[in-house]
N, C-alpha and C. Protein backbone atom coordinates (compact mmCIF):
# COMPACT_ATOMS: atom_id res chain seq x y z
N MET A 1 79.09 89.74 143.69
CA MET A 1 79.08 90.60 144.89
C MET A 1 77.66 91.10 145.15
N CYS A 2 77.34 91.19 146.40
CA CYS A 2 76.02 91.67 146.80
C CYS A 2 76.16 93.03 147.48
N ASN A 3 75.13 93.84 147.38
CA ASN A 3 75.13 95.17 147.96
C ASN A 3 74.97 95.09 149.48
N PRO A 4 75.28 96.22 150.20
CA PRO A 4 75.03 96.24 151.64
C PRO A 4 73.58 95.90 151.95
N GLY A 5 73.37 95.11 152.95
CA GLY A 5 72.02 94.70 153.32
C GLY A 5 71.62 93.38 152.68
N TYR A 6 72.52 92.83 151.86
CA TYR A 6 72.24 91.57 151.18
C TYR A 6 73.40 90.60 151.40
N HIS A 7 73.11 89.36 151.12
CA HIS A 7 74.15 88.33 151.17
C HIS A 7 73.98 87.43 149.94
N VAL A 8 74.99 86.63 149.66
CA VAL A 8 74.97 85.75 148.48
C VAL A 8 74.09 84.54 148.78
N LYS A 9 73.04 84.43 148.01
CA LYS A 9 72.18 83.26 148.16
C LYS A 9 72.64 82.12 147.24
N GLN A 10 73.11 82.54 146.07
CA GLN A 10 73.62 81.54 145.11
C GLN A 10 74.76 82.17 144.34
N VAL A 11 75.88 81.47 144.32
CA VAL A 11 77.06 82.00 143.63
C VAL A 11 76.84 81.93 142.13
N CYS A 12 77.58 82.74 141.43
CA CYS A 12 77.44 82.79 139.98
C CYS A 12 78.01 81.52 139.31
N SER A 13 77.55 81.30 138.15
CA SER A 13 78.06 80.16 137.36
C SER A 13 78.26 80.64 135.92
N GLU A 14 78.60 79.69 135.03
CA GLU A 14 78.82 80.07 133.64
C GLU A 14 77.52 80.55 133.00
N HIS A 15 76.41 80.07 133.56
CA HIS A 15 75.14 80.38 132.93
C HIS A 15 74.31 81.40 133.72
N THR A 16 74.60 81.57 135.02
CA THR A 16 73.80 82.50 135.84
C THR A 16 74.73 83.40 136.64
N GLY A 17 74.19 84.56 136.99
CA GLY A 17 74.95 85.47 137.83
C GLY A 17 74.72 85.16 139.31
N THR A 18 75.39 85.95 140.14
CA THR A 18 75.24 85.78 141.59
C THR A 18 73.83 86.15 142.00
N VAL A 19 73.26 85.30 142.83
CA VAL A 19 71.92 85.57 143.35
C VAL A 19 72.06 86.07 144.78
N CYS A 20 71.54 87.29 145.05
CA CYS A 20 71.63 87.89 146.40
C CYS A 20 70.27 87.85 147.08
N ALA A 21 70.31 87.84 148.42
CA ALA A 21 69.07 87.83 149.21
C ALA A 21 69.22 88.83 150.35
N PRO A 22 68.10 89.45 150.76
CA PRO A 22 68.17 90.41 151.88
C PRO A 22 68.61 89.71 153.17
N CYS A 23 69.24 90.50 154.01
CA CYS A 23 69.66 89.97 155.33
C CYS A 23 68.42 89.73 156.19
N PRO A 24 68.37 88.63 156.92
CA PRO A 24 67.26 88.38 157.83
C PRO A 24 67.29 89.37 159.00
N PRO A 25 66.20 89.47 159.75
CA PRO A 25 66.19 90.37 160.93
C PRO A 25 67.34 90.04 161.89
N GLN A 26 67.86 91.09 162.53
CA GLN A 26 68.96 91.01 163.49
C GLN A 26 70.27 90.56 162.85
N THR A 27 70.35 90.74 161.50
CA THR A 27 71.62 90.53 160.79
C THR A 27 71.82 91.69 159.83
N TYR A 28 73.05 91.82 159.33
CA TYR A 28 73.35 92.96 158.44
C TYR A 28 74.61 92.67 157.64
N THR A 29 74.77 93.44 156.59
CA THR A 29 76.05 93.57 155.87
C THR A 29 76.21 95.05 155.57
N ALA A 30 77.33 95.61 155.97
CA ALA A 30 77.52 97.06 155.84
C ALA A 30 78.19 97.45 154.53
N HIS A 31 78.78 96.48 153.82
CA HIS A 31 79.51 96.79 152.59
C HIS A 31 79.13 95.77 151.51
N ALA A 32 79.54 96.10 150.26
CA ALA A 32 79.37 95.12 149.17
C ALA A 32 80.15 93.87 149.54
N ASN A 33 79.55 92.73 149.35
CA ASN A 33 80.16 91.52 149.90
C ASN A 33 79.81 90.29 149.08
N GLY A 34 80.53 89.24 149.36
CA GLY A 34 80.26 87.93 148.77
C GLY A 34 79.95 86.93 149.85
N LEU A 35 79.44 87.42 150.99
CA LEU A 35 79.16 86.54 152.13
C LEU A 35 77.92 85.70 151.88
N SER A 36 78.01 84.48 152.34
CA SER A 36 76.86 83.59 152.21
C SER A 36 75.83 83.84 153.31
N LYS A 37 76.27 84.44 154.40
CA LYS A 37 75.37 84.79 155.50
C LYS A 37 75.66 86.21 155.97
N CYS A 38 74.62 86.87 156.40
CA CYS A 38 74.80 88.22 156.96
C CYS A 38 75.37 88.11 158.37
N LEU A 39 75.94 89.20 158.82
CA LEU A 39 76.56 89.23 160.15
C LEU A 39 75.50 89.48 161.22
N PRO A 40 75.67 88.88 162.42
CA PRO A 40 74.69 89.13 163.49
C PRO A 40 74.84 90.55 164.04
N CYS A 41 73.73 91.13 164.38
CA CYS A 41 73.76 92.49 164.96
C CYS A 41 74.36 92.44 166.36
N GLY A 42 75.07 93.49 166.70
CA GLY A 42 75.66 93.59 168.03
C GLY A 42 74.60 93.87 169.10
N VAL A 43 74.94 93.52 170.34
CA VAL A 43 74.04 93.74 171.49
C VAL A 43 74.75 94.66 172.48
N CYS A 44 74.07 95.70 172.91
CA CYS A 44 74.64 96.64 173.89
C CYS A 44 74.31 96.15 175.30
N ASP A 45 75.32 95.73 176.02
CA ASP A 45 75.12 95.12 177.34
C ASP A 45 75.14 96.21 178.43
N PRO A 46 74.03 96.42 179.15
CA PRO A 46 74.01 97.43 180.22
C PRO A 46 75.02 97.13 181.33
N ASP A 47 75.31 95.85 181.56
CA ASP A 47 76.30 95.50 182.59
C ASP A 47 77.70 95.98 182.22
N MET A 48 77.92 96.25 180.95
CA MET A 48 79.20 96.78 180.48
C MET A 48 79.15 98.30 180.35
N GLY A 49 78.06 98.90 180.85
CA GLY A 49 77.91 100.35 180.77
C GLY A 49 77.46 100.83 179.41
N LEU A 50 76.84 99.94 178.62
CA LEU A 50 76.45 100.28 177.25
C LEU A 50 74.94 100.42 177.12
N LEU A 51 74.53 101.26 176.20
CA LEU A 51 73.12 101.38 175.83
C LEU A 51 73.03 101.44 174.31
N THR A 52 71.86 101.13 173.78
CA THR A 52 71.65 101.14 172.33
C THR A 52 71.42 102.56 171.87
N TRP A 53 72.33 103.06 171.06
CA TRP A 53 72.23 104.41 170.54
C TRP A 53 71.50 104.42 169.19
N GLN A 54 71.80 103.42 168.35
CA GLN A 54 71.11 103.25 167.06
C GLN A 54 70.81 101.77 166.86
N GLU A 55 69.57 101.49 166.51
CA GLU A 55 69.17 100.10 166.30
C GLU A 55 69.84 99.54 165.04
N CYS A 56 70.00 98.23 165.05
CA CYS A 56 70.59 97.55 163.91
C CYS A 56 69.62 97.57 162.72
N SER A 57 70.18 97.66 161.52
CA SER A 57 69.39 97.54 160.29
C SER A 57 70.07 96.52 159.38
N SER A 58 69.49 96.24 158.25
CA SER A 58 70.06 95.22 157.36
C SER A 58 71.39 95.65 156.76
N TRP A 59 71.65 96.95 156.74
CA TRP A 59 72.91 97.45 156.17
C TRP A 59 73.83 98.16 157.19
N LYS A 60 73.39 98.11 158.47
CA LYS A 60 74.21 98.80 159.48
C LYS A 60 74.09 98.09 160.82
N ASP A 61 75.23 97.93 161.48
CA ASP A 61 75.24 97.26 162.78
C ASP A 61 74.68 98.18 163.87
N THR A 62 74.34 97.58 165.01
CA THR A 62 73.89 98.34 166.18
C THR A 62 74.99 99.29 166.63
N VAL A 63 74.60 100.49 166.99
CA VAL A 63 75.57 101.46 167.53
C VAL A 63 75.35 101.57 169.03
N CYS A 64 76.38 101.24 169.80
CA CYS A 64 76.31 101.31 171.26
C CYS A 64 77.00 102.56 171.76
N ARG A 65 76.49 103.03 172.85
CA ARG A 65 77.07 104.23 173.47
C ARG A 65 77.06 104.02 174.98
N CYS A 66 77.90 104.76 175.69
CA CYS A 66 77.99 104.61 177.15
C CYS A 66 76.78 105.24 177.83
N ILE A 67 76.35 104.59 178.90
CA ILE A 67 75.27 105.14 179.71
C ILE A 67 75.79 106.37 180.45
N PRO A 68 74.90 107.26 180.93
CA PRO A 68 75.35 108.44 181.69
C PRO A 68 76.23 108.05 182.88
N GLY A 69 77.31 108.79 183.06
CA GLY A 69 78.25 108.50 184.14
C GLY A 69 79.38 107.60 183.72
N TYR A 70 79.39 107.19 182.43
CA TYR A 70 80.44 106.32 181.89
C TYR A 70 81.04 106.97 180.64
N PHE A 71 82.27 106.55 180.30
CA PHE A 71 82.89 107.02 179.06
C PHE A 71 83.47 105.81 178.32
N CYS A 72 83.59 105.95 177.01
CA CYS A 72 84.03 104.84 176.17
C CYS A 72 85.54 104.64 176.25
N GLU A 73 85.93 103.42 176.55
CA GLU A 73 87.35 103.09 176.59
C GLU A 73 87.84 102.58 175.23
N ASN A 74 87.02 101.80 174.56
CA ASN A 74 87.37 101.27 173.24
C ASN A 74 86.36 101.75 172.21
N GLN A 75 86.78 102.72 171.41
CA GLN A 75 85.90 103.30 170.40
C GLN A 75 86.31 102.79 169.02
N ASP A 76 85.33 102.29 168.26
CA ASP A 76 85.57 101.83 166.89
C ASP A 76 84.63 102.61 165.98
N GLY A 77 85.12 103.73 165.49
CA GLY A 77 84.28 104.61 164.71
C GLY A 77 83.22 105.22 165.61
N SER A 78 81.97 104.97 165.28
CA SER A 78 80.88 105.48 166.12
C SER A 78 80.42 104.45 167.14
N HIS A 79 81.02 103.27 167.08
CA HIS A 79 80.60 102.18 167.97
C HIS A 79 81.57 102.06 169.14
N CYS A 80 81.00 101.86 170.33
CA CYS A 80 81.81 101.66 171.54
C CYS A 80 81.59 100.24 172.04
N SER A 81 82.68 99.59 172.42
CA SER A 81 82.57 98.21 172.88
C SER A 81 82.77 98.08 174.39
N THR A 82 83.46 99.04 175.01
CA THR A 82 83.73 98.96 176.46
C THR A 82 83.61 100.35 177.07
N CYS A 83 82.89 100.44 178.20
CA CYS A 83 82.74 101.72 178.92
C CYS A 83 83.26 101.58 180.34
N LEU A 84 83.75 102.68 180.87
CA LEU A 84 84.22 102.75 182.25
C LEU A 84 83.53 103.92 182.96
N PRO A 85 83.33 103.81 184.28
CA PRO A 85 82.69 104.92 185.01
C PRO A 85 83.60 106.14 185.06
N HIS A 86 82.99 107.32 185.04
CA HIS A 86 83.75 108.56 185.15
C HIS A 86 84.54 108.58 186.46
N THR A 87 85.71 109.15 186.42
CA THR A 87 86.53 109.31 187.62
C THR A 87 85.86 110.27 188.60
N THR A 88 85.87 109.90 189.87
CA THR A 88 85.37 110.77 190.93
C THR A 88 86.54 111.54 191.51
N CYS A 89 86.47 112.86 191.47
CA CYS A 89 87.58 113.67 191.97
C CYS A 89 87.75 113.44 193.47
N PRO A 90 89.00 113.23 193.93
CA PRO A 90 89.24 113.00 195.36
C PRO A 90 89.13 114.29 196.15
N PRO A 91 89.04 114.20 197.49
CA PRO A 91 89.06 115.42 198.32
C PRO A 91 90.30 116.25 198.03
N GLY A 92 90.10 117.56 197.97
CA GLY A 92 91.21 118.46 197.65
C GLY A 92 91.25 118.83 196.17
N GLN A 93 90.35 118.24 195.38
CA GLN A 93 90.28 118.56 193.96
C GLN A 93 88.84 118.88 193.56
N ARG A 94 88.72 119.55 192.44
CA ARG A 94 87.40 119.91 191.90
C ARG A 94 87.31 119.39 190.47
N VAL A 95 86.09 119.39 189.95
CA VAL A 95 85.87 118.98 188.56
C VAL A 95 86.21 120.16 187.65
N GLU A 96 87.27 120.03 186.88
CA GLU A 96 87.64 121.08 185.93
C GLU A 96 86.84 120.92 184.63
N LYS A 97 86.61 119.66 184.23
CA LYS A 97 85.84 119.40 183.01
C LYS A 97 85.02 118.14 183.23
N ARG A 98 83.72 118.25 183.07
CA ARG A 98 82.84 117.11 183.28
C ARG A 98 83.07 116.03 182.22
N GLY A 99 82.90 114.77 182.65
CA GLY A 99 83.05 113.67 181.72
C GLY A 99 81.89 113.60 180.74
N THR A 100 82.16 113.06 179.56
CA THR A 100 81.14 112.85 178.53
C THR A 100 81.09 111.36 178.21
N HIS A 101 80.32 111.00 177.17
CA HIS A 101 80.22 109.59 176.81
C HIS A 101 81.51 109.05 176.21
N ASN A 102 82.39 109.95 175.76
CA ASN A 102 83.65 109.48 175.17
C ASN A 102 84.89 110.11 175.81
N GLN A 103 84.72 110.78 176.95
CA GLN A 103 85.87 111.39 177.64
C GLN A 103 85.67 111.32 179.14
N ASP A 104 86.75 111.01 179.86
CA ASP A 104 86.68 110.91 181.32
C ASP A 104 86.68 112.30 181.96
N THR A 105 86.29 112.34 183.23
CA THR A 105 86.30 113.60 183.99
C THR A 105 87.73 114.09 184.18
N VAL A 106 87.90 115.41 184.11
CA VAL A 106 89.21 116.03 184.35
C VAL A 106 89.14 116.76 185.68
N CYS A 107 90.08 116.46 186.60
CA CYS A 107 90.10 117.07 187.94
C CYS A 107 91.25 118.07 188.05
N ALA A 108 91.11 119.02 188.97
CA ALA A 108 92.15 120.01 189.23
C ALA A 108 92.24 120.28 190.73
N ASP A 109 93.46 120.61 191.21
CA ASP A 109 93.67 120.87 192.64
C ASP A 109 93.02 122.18 193.06
N CYS A 110 92.57 122.22 194.33
CA CYS A 110 92.03 123.46 194.90
C CYS A 110 93.16 124.43 195.18
N LEU A 111 92.88 125.71 195.02
CA LEU A 111 93.86 126.75 195.32
C LEU A 111 93.96 126.94 196.83
N THR A 112 95.06 127.55 197.28
CA THR A 112 95.25 127.83 198.70
C THR A 112 94.12 128.73 199.22
N GLY A 113 93.58 128.37 200.37
CA GLY A 113 92.48 129.14 200.94
C GLY A 113 91.12 128.59 200.57
N THR A 114 91.12 127.50 199.80
CA THR A 114 89.86 126.85 199.42
C THR A 114 89.97 125.36 199.68
N PHE A 115 88.82 124.69 199.69
CA PHE A 115 88.82 123.25 199.93
C PHE A 115 87.68 122.59 199.17
N SER A 116 87.80 121.29 199.01
CA SER A 116 86.77 120.50 198.34
C SER A 116 86.70 119.13 199.00
N LEU A 117 85.47 118.64 199.15
CA LEU A 117 85.27 117.29 199.68
C LEU A 117 85.34 116.24 198.58
N GLY A 118 85.57 116.69 197.35
CA GLY A 118 85.69 115.76 196.24
C GLY A 118 84.35 115.45 195.61
N GLY A 119 84.31 114.37 194.85
CA GLY A 119 83.08 113.98 194.18
C GLY A 119 82.89 114.75 192.89
N THR A 120 81.70 115.31 192.72
CA THR A 120 81.37 116.03 191.48
C THR A 120 81.35 117.55 191.70
N GLN A 121 82.01 118.00 192.75
CA GLN A 121 82.03 119.43 193.07
C GLN A 121 82.86 120.18 192.04
N GLU A 122 82.25 121.19 191.40
CA GLU A 122 82.93 121.92 190.34
C GLU A 122 83.75 123.09 190.85
N GLU A 123 83.41 123.61 192.01
CA GLU A 123 84.13 124.75 192.57
C GLU A 123 84.60 124.42 193.98
N CYS A 124 85.83 124.81 194.30
CA CYS A 124 86.34 124.67 195.66
C CYS A 124 85.74 125.80 196.51
N LEU A 125 85.41 125.49 197.73
CA LEU A 125 84.78 126.46 198.63
C LEU A 125 85.83 127.20 199.45
N PRO A 126 85.62 128.49 199.73
CA PRO A 126 86.58 129.24 200.56
C PRO A 126 86.53 128.78 202.01
N TRP A 127 87.68 128.86 202.68
CA TRP A 127 87.73 128.51 204.11
C TRP A 127 86.82 129.45 204.91
N THR A 128 86.23 128.92 205.96
CA THR A 128 85.42 129.73 206.87
C THR A 128 86.33 130.69 207.65
N LYS A 129 85.89 131.95 207.78
CA LYS A 129 86.63 132.93 208.57
C LYS A 129 85.98 133.05 209.95
N CYS A 130 86.75 132.76 210.99
CA CYS A 130 86.22 132.81 212.35
C CYS A 130 85.88 134.25 212.71
N SER A 131 84.73 134.46 213.36
CA SER A 131 84.28 135.80 213.74
C SER A 131 85.04 136.30 214.97
N THR A 132 84.69 137.52 215.39
CA THR A 132 85.35 138.15 216.55
C THR A 132 85.16 137.33 217.81
N PHE A 133 84.01 136.69 217.95
CA PHE A 133 83.70 135.93 219.15
C PHE A 133 84.04 134.45 218.99
N GLN A 134 84.90 134.15 218.02
CA GLN A 134 85.34 132.78 217.80
C GLN A 134 86.85 132.72 217.72
N GLN A 135 87.38 131.53 217.94
CA GLN A 135 88.81 131.33 217.76
C GLN A 135 89.02 130.14 216.82
N GLU A 136 90.11 130.19 216.07
CA GLU A 136 90.42 129.12 215.11
C GLU A 136 90.99 127.92 215.84
N VAL A 137 90.34 126.78 215.69
CA VAL A 137 90.79 125.54 216.32
C VAL A 137 91.74 124.80 215.40
N THR A 138 91.32 124.58 214.15
CA THR A 138 92.18 123.93 213.16
C THR A 138 92.13 124.72 211.86
N ARG A 139 93.28 124.89 211.26
CA ARG A 139 93.37 125.63 210.00
C ARG A 139 92.88 124.74 208.86
N GLY A 140 92.25 125.37 207.87
CA GLY A 140 91.73 124.62 206.74
C GLY A 140 92.84 124.05 205.87
N THR A 141 92.50 122.99 205.14
CA THR A 141 93.39 122.38 204.17
C THR A 141 92.67 122.34 202.82
N SER A 142 93.29 121.71 201.85
CA SER A 142 92.64 121.61 200.54
C SER A 142 91.42 120.70 200.56
N SER A 143 91.33 119.86 201.62
CA SER A 143 90.22 118.91 201.70
C SER A 143 89.33 119.11 202.93
N THR A 144 89.69 120.04 203.81
CA THR A 144 88.88 120.30 205.01
C THR A 144 88.74 121.80 205.24
N ASP A 145 87.62 122.18 205.86
CA ASP A 145 87.36 123.59 206.16
C ASP A 145 88.02 123.97 207.49
N THR A 146 88.17 125.26 207.71
CA THR A 146 88.66 125.76 209.00
C THR A 146 87.62 125.46 210.08
N THR A 147 88.10 125.08 211.26
CA THR A 147 87.20 124.79 212.38
C THR A 147 87.29 125.92 213.40
N CYS A 148 86.14 126.47 213.78
CA CYS A 148 86.07 127.57 214.75
C CYS A 148 85.31 127.10 215.99
N SER A 149 85.64 127.71 217.12
CA SER A 149 84.89 127.44 218.35
C SER A 149 84.51 128.77 218.99
N SER A 150 83.36 128.81 219.65
CA SER A 150 82.85 130.04 220.23
C SER A 150 83.60 130.38 221.51
N LEU A 151 83.93 131.68 221.66
CA LEU A 151 84.60 132.14 222.88
C LEU A 151 83.61 132.45 223.99
N VAL A 152 82.31 132.47 223.69
CA VAL A 152 81.30 132.79 224.69
C VAL A 152 81.37 131.81 225.85
N TYR A 153 81.58 130.53 225.54
CA TYR A 153 81.65 129.52 226.60
C TYR A 153 82.84 129.78 227.51
N TYR A 154 83.95 130.23 226.92
CA TYR A 154 85.12 130.53 227.74
C TYR A 154 84.84 131.72 228.66
N TYR A 155 84.17 132.75 228.11
CA TYR A 155 83.85 133.92 228.93
C TYR A 155 82.91 133.55 230.07
N VAL A 156 81.88 132.78 229.78
CA VAL A 156 80.93 132.37 230.81
C VAL A 156 81.62 131.54 231.88
N GLY A 157 82.47 130.62 231.45
CA GLY A 157 83.20 129.79 232.41
C GLY A 157 84.12 130.61 233.29
N PHE A 158 84.77 131.62 232.69
CA PHE A 158 85.67 132.47 233.47
C PHE A 158 84.89 133.27 234.51
N ILE A 159 83.73 133.79 234.10
CA ILE A 159 82.92 134.58 235.03
C ILE A 159 82.42 133.72 236.18
N LEU A 160 81.95 132.52 235.87
CA LEU A 160 81.47 131.61 236.92
C LEU A 160 82.60 131.24 237.87
N LEU A 161 83.77 131.00 237.32
CA LEU A 161 84.92 130.67 238.16
C LEU A 161 85.27 131.83 239.07
N ALA A 162 85.21 133.05 238.51
CA ALA A 162 85.52 134.23 239.33
C ALA A 162 84.50 134.41 240.45
N LEU A 163 83.21 134.14 240.14
CA LEU A 163 82.18 134.29 241.17
C LEU A 163 82.32 133.25 242.27
N ILE A 164 82.82 132.07 241.92
CA ILE A 164 82.96 131.01 242.91
C ILE A 164 84.23 131.17 243.73
N VAL A 165 85.32 131.43 243.05
CA VAL A 165 86.63 131.48 243.72
C VAL A 165 86.90 132.85 244.32
N GLY A 166 86.36 133.91 243.70
CA GLY A 166 86.66 135.28 244.14
C GLY A 166 86.39 135.54 245.61
N PRO A 167 85.18 135.24 246.12
CA PRO A 167 84.92 135.50 247.54
C PRO A 167 85.86 134.76 248.47
N GLY A 168 86.21 133.53 248.13
CA GLY A 168 87.13 132.78 248.98
C GLY A 168 88.50 133.42 249.04
N ILE A 169 88.98 133.88 247.89
CA ILE A 169 90.29 134.54 247.86
C ILE A 169 90.25 135.84 248.65
N ALA A 170 89.16 136.61 248.49
CA ALA A 170 89.03 137.88 249.21
C ALA A 170 89.02 137.64 250.72
N GLY A 171 88.27 136.63 251.17
CA GLY A 171 88.23 136.33 252.60
C GLY A 171 89.58 135.91 253.14
N PHE A 172 90.29 135.13 252.36
CA PHE A 172 91.61 134.69 252.79
C PHE A 172 92.58 135.86 252.90
N CYS A 173 92.49 136.79 251.93
CA CYS A 173 93.37 137.97 251.96
C CYS A 173 93.07 138.83 253.19
N ILE A 174 91.78 139.02 253.51
CA ILE A 174 91.42 139.81 254.69
C ILE A 174 91.95 139.16 255.96
N TYR A 175 91.80 137.85 256.05
CA TYR A 175 92.29 137.13 257.22
C TYR A 175 93.81 137.28 257.35
N LYS A 176 94.51 137.12 256.24
CA LYS A 176 95.97 137.25 256.28
C LYS A 176 96.39 138.65 256.69
N ARG A 177 95.67 139.65 256.16
CA ARG A 177 96.02 141.03 256.49
C ARG A 177 95.84 141.30 257.99
N ARG A 178 94.74 140.87 258.55
CA ARG A 178 94.51 141.06 259.99
C ARG A 178 95.53 140.29 260.82
N HIS A 179 95.83 139.11 260.39
CA HIS A 179 96.78 138.28 261.14
C HIS A 179 98.18 138.88 261.12
N LEU A 180 98.55 139.48 260.01
CA LEU A 180 99.88 140.08 259.90
C LEU A 180 99.98 141.35 260.72
N HIS A 181 98.86 142.11 260.85
CA HIS A 181 98.89 143.36 261.61
C HIS A 181 98.93 143.12 263.11
N THR A 182 98.63 141.95 263.57
CA THR A 182 98.71 141.64 265.01
C THR A 182 100.15 141.35 265.38
N SER A 183 100.64 142.01 266.51
CA SER A 183 102.05 141.85 266.91
C SER A 183 102.31 140.43 267.38
N PRO A 184 103.54 139.95 267.28
CA PRO A 184 103.87 138.59 267.74
C PRO A 184 103.57 138.40 269.21
N VAL A 185 103.86 139.45 270.05
CA VAL A 185 103.62 139.34 271.50
C VAL A 185 102.14 139.17 271.78
N ALA A 186 101.31 139.98 271.04
CA ALA A 186 99.87 139.89 271.25
C ALA A 186 99.36 138.53 270.85
N ARG A 187 99.91 137.97 269.72
CA ARG A 187 99.47 136.65 269.29
C ARG A 187 99.83 135.59 270.30
N GLU A 188 101.03 135.79 271.01
CA GLU A 188 101.44 134.81 272.02
C GLU A 188 100.58 134.92 273.28
N LEU A 189 100.14 136.17 273.62
CA LEU A 189 99.36 136.38 274.83
C LEU A 189 97.89 136.04 274.65
N GLU A 190 97.43 135.96 273.41
CA GLU A 190 96.01 135.71 273.17
C GLU A 190 95.49 134.47 273.87
N PRO A 191 96.19 133.33 273.85
CA PRO A 191 95.66 132.14 274.53
C PRO A 191 95.59 132.32 276.04
N PHE A 192 96.64 132.98 276.64
CA PHE A 192 96.66 133.18 278.09
C PHE A 192 95.57 134.15 278.52
N GLN A 193 95.37 135.22 277.75
CA GLN A 193 94.33 136.19 278.09
C GLN A 193 92.95 135.55 278.03
N GLN A 194 92.77 134.72 277.03
CA GLN A 194 91.47 134.04 276.91
C GLN A 194 91.24 133.11 278.08
N GLU A 195 92.32 132.38 278.49
CA GLU A 195 92.20 131.45 279.62
C GLU A 195 91.94 132.21 280.91
N GLN A 196 92.63 133.37 281.10
CA GLN A 196 92.47 134.17 282.31
C GLN A 196 91.04 134.71 282.41
N GLN A 197 90.48 135.12 281.25
CA GLN A 197 89.11 135.63 281.27
C GLN A 197 88.12 134.54 281.63
N GLU A 198 88.41 133.32 281.17
CA GLU A 198 87.51 132.22 281.49
C GLU A 198 87.58 131.84 282.96
N ASN A 199 88.79 131.99 283.61
CA ASN A 199 88.98 131.58 285.00
C ASN A 199 88.62 132.67 286.01
N THR A 200 88.39 133.87 285.57
CA THR A 200 88.08 134.98 286.48
C THR A 200 86.69 134.79 287.10
N ILE A 201 86.59 134.93 288.48
CA ILE A 201 85.31 134.80 289.19
C ILE A 201 84.66 136.17 289.24
N ARG A 202 83.47 136.23 288.78
CA ARG A 202 82.75 137.51 288.76
C ARG A 202 81.81 137.57 289.96
N PHE A 203 81.91 138.67 290.81
CA PHE A 203 81.05 138.88 291.98
C PHE A 203 80.03 139.94 291.65
N PRO A 204 78.84 139.86 292.31
CA PRO A 204 77.83 140.90 292.08
C PRO A 204 78.26 142.22 292.70
N VAL A 205 77.99 143.26 292.05
CA VAL A 205 78.39 144.60 292.51
C VAL A 205 77.27 145.17 293.37
N THR A 206 77.65 145.61 294.59
CA THR A 206 76.68 146.21 295.52
C THR A 206 76.86 147.71 295.52
N GLU A 207 75.78 148.42 295.43
CA GLU A 207 75.85 149.88 295.41
C GLU A 207 75.88 150.36 296.86
N VAL A 208 77.10 150.37 297.41
CA VAL A 208 77.29 150.69 298.83
C VAL A 208 76.91 152.13 299.13
N GLY A 209 77.36 153.02 298.34
CA GLY A 209 77.13 154.45 298.60
C GLY A 209 75.66 154.78 298.69
N LEU A 210 74.84 154.17 297.86
CA LEU A 210 73.41 154.45 297.85
C LEU A 210 72.75 153.92 299.11
N ALA A 211 73.19 152.72 299.55
CA ALA A 211 72.59 152.12 300.76
C ALA A 211 72.89 152.95 301.99
N GLU A 212 74.16 153.41 302.12
CA GLU A 212 74.54 154.21 303.28
C GLU A 212 73.74 155.51 303.31
N THR A 213 73.54 156.10 302.19
CA THR A 213 72.79 157.36 302.14
C THR A 213 71.37 157.17 302.61
N GLU A 214 70.77 156.03 302.21
CA GLU A 214 69.39 155.77 302.61
C GLU A 214 69.31 155.55 304.12
N GLU A 215 70.34 154.86 304.72
CA GLU A 215 70.34 154.62 306.17
C GLU A 215 70.48 155.94 306.94
N GLU A 216 71.38 156.81 306.47
CA GLU A 216 71.58 158.10 307.14
C GLU A 216 70.30 158.93 307.09
N THR A 217 69.61 158.90 306.01
CA THR A 217 68.38 159.68 305.89
C THR A 217 67.33 159.18 306.86
N ALA A 218 67.23 157.88 307.01
CA ALA A 218 66.26 157.30 307.93
C ALA A 218 66.58 157.64 309.37
N SER A 219 67.89 157.66 309.71
CA SER A 219 68.32 157.98 311.07
C SER A 219 67.99 159.42 311.41
N ASN A 220 68.24 160.31 310.47
CA ASN A 220 67.97 161.72 310.70
C ASN A 220 66.49 161.97 310.93
N CYS A 221 65.68 161.24 310.24
CA CYS A 221 64.24 161.42 310.40
C CYS A 221 63.79 160.97 311.79
N THR A 222 64.44 159.95 312.37
CA THR A 222 64.09 159.44 313.69
C THR A 222 64.46 160.43 314.77
N ASN A 223 65.66 161.00 314.63
CA ASN A 223 66.13 161.95 315.62
C ASN A 223 65.26 163.20 315.63
N SER A 224 64.83 163.56 314.51
CA SER A 224 64.01 164.77 314.45
C SER A 224 62.68 164.55 315.12
N GLY A 225 62.20 163.39 315.13
CA GLY A 225 60.93 163.07 315.75
C GLY A 225 61.05 163.08 317.24
């Protein structure tokens, strides 16, 4: 038998004992053995999510570990052979416990009144509270925030509408009021009165009294002469 780090170079015989030899580079034996060749060192494949944690030696194999963001699926003592990416928490959940090299991420649901977009978010965020000048458009869920819209635009629109429509309504009301206060007979006579005024012939007015007075005065002056 050969010690760890060695292999059997020559087996024992009646006249000689076992001859052992050190393991060549990139090979090893971890225990007392009767192997004729040392074992090849393991290789940590980055494509499998592995990295070299401890280099191989003549008495110990390479120790692989998961790269950041991965956890070990198949663990053999201190050696990992297969890694998987950490679970990403879906919307509506938060990270309750972060993943490590040998444990996956643990997720938990958001409480009522909070939300999360998922991913690596450790805390759920509280729903937005709409202010006095806002109104709630959509209520928040575990995965979406409350949506608010400003009431200022509604107020401005209402004022503009009142400024545009208001004068027209006021004018119409005044017209209706005047029209209602006019008697039916007067409304019927209005067209005839207008036509009669248009057809009436207007003559020039002569100031007869003044002319006669002037003639009498002239006559009196003649007689006196």
